[in-house]
Amino acid sequence: MKRNDIITSVFHLTLAAVLVWQALSIPVGRFGKPGPGFLPLGVGLVLAALSLSLWIEARSRKSPQEKVSFLAGERRWPGVVWTVALLSAYGLLLEWLGFIICTLSILFLLFRFIGKQRLPLAVAETILITLVAHLLFKVALKVQLPGGLFRI
């Protein structure tokens, strides 16, 4: 596992270096007025920081971790399949149902049935996250979100 983490971190660090190098070849702009290279530069720097932290953590690890088998033997596949299906439905129904109804629906289904949270907690998280997303995107950033059937 330690060896795999080192290989992965070096690969992503190389990818981040290429991304930063290419982002600097186009106008970056500044915080108040970002250029087309601003986002790729930011993504490259974040990727580099995360890759470097993985590399440092893997190098300083004393004993190899036990192997973690992803999705094996724990019956996680139904949750993965349902999550992919729900996200696909979200993408297909977003224009028709609108942002608020679609987001409330998918978050509730994910929290309640995939995450197996208690009903009051699932409802509270669903409403809170949808409200924050609506305030952030529609009110603060003035993004035109789909209103859907009810023009909400």
C-alpha atoms as a PDB file:
ATOM      1  CA  MET A   1       0.000   0.000   0.000  1.00  0.00           C
ATOM      2  CA  LYS A   2       2.871   2.356   0.826  1.00  0.00           C
ATOM      3  CA  ARG A   3       4.462   1.741  -2.577  1.00  0.00           C
ATOM      4  CA  ASN A   4       1.153   2.362  -4.376  1.00  0.00           C
ATOM      5  CA  ASP A   5       0.642   5.649  -2.519  1.00  0.00           C
ATOM      6  CA  ILE A   6       4.120   6.831  -3.493  1.00  0.00           C
ATOM      7  CA  ILE A   7       3.577   5.915  -7.146  1.00  0.00           C
ATOM      8  CA  THR A   8       0.159   7.597  -7.149  1.00  0.00           C
ATOM      9  CA  SER A   9       1.487  10.751  -5.518  1.00  0.00           C
ATOM     10  CA  VAL A  10       4.373  11.043  -7.989  1.00  0.00           C
ATOM     11  CA  PHE A  11       2.002  10.537 -10.930  1.00  0.00           C
ATOM     12  CA  HIS A  12      -0.400  13.215  -9.678  1.00  0.00           C
ATOM     13  CA  LEU A  13       2.437  15.576  -8.781  1.00  0.00           C
ATOM     14  CA  THR A  14       3.704  15.260 -12.367  1.00  0.00           C
ATOM     15  CA  LEU A  15       0.177  15.854 -13.667  1.00  0.00           C
ATOM     16  CA  ALA A  16      -0.120  18.921 -11.420  1.00  0.00           C
ATOM     17  CA  ALA A  17       3.200  20.292 -12.698  1.00  0.00           C
ATOM     18  CA  VAL A  18       2.037  19.959 -16.310  1.00  0.00           C
ATOM     19  CA  LEU A  19      -1.284  21.583 -15.421  1.00  0.00           C
ATOM     20  CA  VAL A  20       0.401  24.544 -13.695  1.00  0.00           C
ATOM     21  CA  TRP A  21       2.898  24.914 -16.548  1.00  0.00           C
ATOM     22  CA  GLN A  22       0.124  24.967 -19.146  1.00  0.00           C
ATOM     23  CA  ALA A  23      -2.052  27.306 -17.050  1.00  0.00           C
ATOM     24  CA  LEU A  24       0.802  29.801 -16.837  1.00  0.00           C
ATOM     25  CA  SER A  25       1.068  29.830 -20.637  1.00  0.00           C
ATOM     26  CA  ILE A  26      -2.314  31.585 -20.860  1.00  0.00           C
ATOM     27  CA  PRO A  27      -3.395  34.784 -19.061  1.00  0.00           C
ATOM     28  CA  VAL A  28      -4.075  34.050 -15.384  1.00  0.00           C
ATOM     29  CA  GLY A  29      -5.490  37.431 -14.421  1.00  0.00           C
ATOM     30  CA  ARG A  30      -5.996  38.282 -10.768  1.00  0.00           C
ATOM     31  CA  PHE A  31      -8.517  37.584  -7.984  1.00  0.00           C
ATOM     32  CA  GLY A  32     -10.766  40.496  -8.925  1.00  0.00           C
ATOM     33  CA  LYS A  33     -10.656  39.730 -12.643  1.00  0.00           C
ATOM     34  CA  PRO A  34      -9.588  36.138 -13.329  1.00  0.00           C
ATOM     35  CA  GLY A  35      -8.344  35.125 -16.736  1.00  0.00           C
ATOM     36  CA  PRO A  36      -8.782  31.787 -18.524  1.00  0.00           C
ATOM     37  CA  GLY A  37      -5.723  30.323 -16.783  1.00  0.00           C
ATOM     38  CA  PHE A  38      -6.883  31.177 -13.250  1.00  0.00           C
ATOM     39  CA  LEU A  39      -8.966  28.052 -12.569  1.00  0.00           C
ATOM     40  CA  PRO A  40      -6.505  25.553 -14.117  1.00  0.00           C
ATOM     41  CA  LEU A  41      -3.708  27.165 -12.108  1.00  0.00           C
ATOM     42  CA  GLY A  42      -5.695  26.861  -8.888  1.00  0.00           C
ATOM     43  CA  VAL A  43      -6.627  23.246  -9.604  1.00  0.00           C
ATOM     44  CA  GLY A  44      -3.003  22.435 -10.424  1.00  0.00           C
ATOM     45  CA  LEU A  45      -1.746  24.004  -7.206  1.00  0.00           C
ATOM     46  CA  VAL A  46      -4.339  22.180  -5.081  1.00  0.00           C
ATOM     47  CA  LEU A  47      -3.543  18.900  -6.834  1.00  0.00           C
ATOM     48  CA  ALA A  48       0.158  19.484  -6.227  1.00  0.00           C
ATOM     49  CA  ALA A  49      -0.413  20.199  -2.529  1.00  0.00           C
ATOM     50  CA  LEU A  50      -2.562  17.084  -2.078  1.00  0.00           C
ATOM     51  CA  SER A  51      -0.084  14.912  -3.993  1.00  0.00           C
ATOM     52  CA  LEU A  52       2.799  16.242  -1.951  1.00  0.00           C
ATOM     53  CA  SER A  53       0.972  15.578   1.307  1.00  0.00           C
ATOM     54  CA  LEU A  54       0.201  11.994   0.184  1.00  0.00           C
ATOM     55  CA  TRP A  55       3.851  11.487  -0.742  1.00  0.00           C
ATOM     56  CA  ILE A  56       5.067  12.818   2.631  1.00  0.00           C
ATOM     57  CA  GLU A  57       2.524  10.709   4.525  1.00  0.00           C
ATOM     58  CA  ALA A  58       3.429   7.559   2.558  1.00  0.00           C
ATOM     59  CA  ARG A  59       7.170   8.106   3.025  1.00  0.00           C
ATOM     60  CA  SER A  60       6.825   8.639   6.773  1.00  0.00           C
ATOM     61  CA  ARG A  61       4.583   5.588   7.292  1.00  0.00           C
ATOM     62  CA  LYS A  62       6.464   2.939   9.228  1.00  0.00           C
ATOM     63  CA  SER A  63       4.508  -0.218   8.543  1.00  0.00           C
ATOM     64  CA  PRO A  64       2.449  -1.072   5.509  1.00  0.00           C
ATOM     65  CA  GLN A  65      -1.277  -0.705   5.988  1.00  0.00           C
ATOM     66  CA  GLU A  66      -3.478  -3.707   5.603  1.00  0.00           C
ATOM     67  CA  LYS A  67      -4.996  -4.044   2.167  1.00  0.00           C
ATOM     68  CA  VAL A  68      -8.399  -2.464   1.768  1.00  0.00           C
ATOM     69  CA  SER A  69     -10.565  -4.192  -0.759  1.00  0.00           C
ATOM     70  CA  PHE A  70     -12.828  -1.620  -2.404  1.00  0.00           C
ATOM     71  CA  LEU A  71     -16.430  -2.821  -2.642  1.00  0.00           C
ATOM     72  CA  ALA A  72     -15.476  -6.421  -1.917  1.00  0.00           C
ATOM     73  CA  GLY A  73     -17.507  -8.615   0.355  1.00  0.00           C
ATOM     74  CA  GLU A  74     -19.400  -5.813   2.071  1.00  0.00           C
ATOM     75  CA  ARG A  75     -22.328  -5.622  -0.317  1.00  0.00           C
ATOM     76  CA  ARG A  76     -21.643  -2.015  -1.259  1.00  0.00           C
ATOM     77  CA  TRP A  77     -22.482  -2.460  -4.920  1.00  0.00           C
ATOM     78  CA  PRO A  78     -26.210  -1.752  -4.557  1.00  0.00           C
ATOM     79  CA  GLY A  79     -25.423   1.607  -2.925  1.00  0.00           C
ATOM     80  CA  VAL A  80     -23.018   2.495  -5.703  1.00  0.00           C
ATOM     81  CA  VAL A  81     -25.479   1.502  -8.413  1.00  0.00           C
ATOM     82  CA  TRP A  82     -28.317   3.457  -6.740  1.00  0.00           C
ATOM     83  CA  THR A  83     -26.085   6.511  -6.308  1.00  0.00           C
ATOM     84  CA  VAL A  84     -25.099   6.482  -9.989  1.00  0.00           C
ATOM     85  CA  ALA A  85     -28.754   6.011 -10.962  1.00  0.00           C
ATOM     86  CA  LEU A  86     -29.872   8.891  -8.731  1.00  0.00           C
ATOM     87  CA  LEU A  87     -27.159  11.203 -10.067  1.00  0.00           C
ATOM     88  CA  SER A  88     -28.123  10.293 -13.627  1.00  0.00           C
ATOM     89  CA  ALA A  89     -31.781  10.985 -12.857  1.00  0.00           C
ATOM     90  CA  TYR A  90     -30.772  14.305 -11.273  1.00  0.00           C
ATOM     91  CA  GLY A  91     -28.990  15.322 -14.462  1.00  0.00           C
ATOM     92  CA  LEU A  92     -31.919  14.290 -16.640  1.00  0.00           C
ATOM     93  CA  LEU A  93     -34.681  15.820 -14.491  1.00  0.00           C
ATOM     94  CA  LEU A  94     -32.979  19.048 -13.385  1.00  0.00           C
ATOM     95  CA  GLU A  95     -34.392  21.214 -16.175  1.00  0.00           C
ATOM     96  CA  TRP A  96     -37.880  19.748 -15.893  1.00  0.00           C
ATOM     97  CA  LEU A  97     -38.295  19.637 -12.094  1.00  0.00           C
ATOM     98  CA  GLY A  98     -36.046  22.568 -11.261  1.00  0.00           C
ATOM     99  CA  PHE A  99     -33.069  22.980  -8.949  1.00  0.00           C
ATOM    100  CA  ILE A 100     -34.877  23.081  -5.610  1.00  0.00           C
ATOM    101  CA  ILE A 101     -37.212  20.108  -6.091  1.00  0.00           C
ATOM    102  CA  CYS A 102     -34.562  17.990  -7.782  1.00  0.00           C
ATOM    103  CA  THR A 103     -31.894  18.771  -5.173  1.00  0.00           C
ATOM    104  CA  LEU A 104     -34.268  18.182  -2.254  1.00  0.00           C
ATOM    105  CA  SER A 105     -35.292  14.840  -3.749  1.00  0.00           C
ATOM    106  CA  ILE A 106     -31.847  13.458  -4.515  1.00  0.00           C
ATOM    107  CA  LEU A 107     -30.305  14.572  -1.237  1.00  0.00           C
ATOM    108  CA  PHE A 108     -33.134  13.080   0.792  1.00  0.00           C
ATOM    109  CA  LEU A 109     -32.898   9.758  -1.065  1.00  0.00           C
ATOM    110  CA  LEU A 110     -29.117   9.669  -0.695  1.00  0.00           C
ATOM    111  CA  PHE A 111     -29.134  10.550   3.004  1.00  0.00           C
ATOM    112  CA  ARG A 112     -32.088   8.408   4.024  1.00  0.00           C
ATOM    113  CA  PHE A 113     -31.681   5.260   1.941  1.00  0.00           C
ATOM    114  CA  ILE A 114     -28.055   5.136   0.812  1.00  0.00           C
ATOM    115  CA  GLY A 115     -26.569   6.759   3.929  1.00  0.00           C
ATOM    116  CA  LYS A 116     -29.168   5.106   6.177  1.00  0.00           C
ATOM    117  CA  GLN A 117     -29.636   8.199   8.334  1.00  0.00           C
ATOM    118  CA  ARG A 118     -32.570   8.709  10.673  1.00  0.00           C
ATOM    119  CA  LEU A 119     -35.535  10.542   9.138  1.00  0.00           C
ATOM    120  CA  PRO A 120     -35.265  13.831  11.116  1.00  0.00           C
ATOM    121  CA  LEU A 121     -31.542  14.113  10.403  1.00  0.00           C
ATOM    122  CA  ALA A 122     -31.984  13.311   6.698  1.00  0.00           C
ATOM    123  CA  VAL A 123     -34.739  15.937   6.358  1.00  0.00           C
ATOM    124  CA  ALA A 124     -32.752  18.593   8.251  1.00  0.00           C
ATOM    125  CA  GLU A 125     -29.567  18.012   6.231  1.00  0.00           C
ATOM    126  CA  THR A 126     -31.488  17.972   2.969  1.00  0.00           C
ATOM    127  CA  ILE A 127     -33.201  21.293   3.657  1.00  0.00           C
ATOM    128  CA  LEU A 128     -30.060  22.942   5.022  1.00  0.00           C
ATOM    129  CA  ILE A 129     -27.811  21.922   2.130  1.00  0.00           C
ATOM    130  CA  THR A 130     -30.399  22.863  -0.501  1.00  0.00           C
ATOM    131  CA  LEU A 131     -30.947  26.243   1.164  1.00  0.00           C
ATOM    132  CA  VAL A 132     -27.225  26.978   1.390  1.00  0.00           C
ATOM    133  CA  ALA A 133     -26.676  25.922  -2.244  1.00  0.00           C
ATOM    134  CA  HIS A 134     -29.598  28.090  -3.379  1.00  0.00           C
ATOM    135  CA  LEU A 135     -28.353  31.105  -1.423  1.00  0.00           C
ATOM    136  CA  LEU A 136     -24.792  30.640  -2.639  1.00  0.00           C
ATOM    137  CA  PHE A 137     -25.523  30.103  -6.314  1.00  0.00           C
ATOM    138  CA  LYS A 138     -28.743  31.989  -7.010  1.00  0.00           C
ATOM    139  CA  VAL A 139     -28.498  34.865  -4.536  1.00  0.00           C
ATOM    140  CA  ALA A 140     -24.775  35.461  -3.998  1.00  0.00           C
ATOM    141  CA  LEU A 141     -23.361  34.408  -7.375  1.00  0.00           C
ATOM    142  CA  LYS A 142     -26.513  35.188  -9.391  1.00  0.00           C
ATOM    143  CA  VAL A 143     -26.376  31.899 -11.310  1.00  0.00           C
ATOM    144  CA  GLN A 144     -29.517  31.144 -13.308  1.00  0.00           C
ATOM    145  CA  LEU A 145     -30.732  27.866 -11.857  1.00  0.00           C
ATOM    146  CA  PRO A 146     -33.509  25.923 -13.572  1.00  0.00           C
ATOM    147  CA  GLY A 147     -36.928  26.801 -12.115  1.00  0.00           C
ATOM    148  CA  GLY A 148     -38.665  23.718 -13.447  1.00  0.00           C
ATOM    149  CA  LEU A 149     -42.385  23.021 -13.412  1.00  0.00           C
ATOM    150  CA  PHE A 150     -43.263  25.430 -10.627  1.00  0.00           C
ATOM    151  CA  ARG A 151     -40.747  28.184 -11.576  1.00  0.00           C
ATOM    152  CA  ILE A 152     -39.286  28.154  -8.050  1.00  0.00           C
END
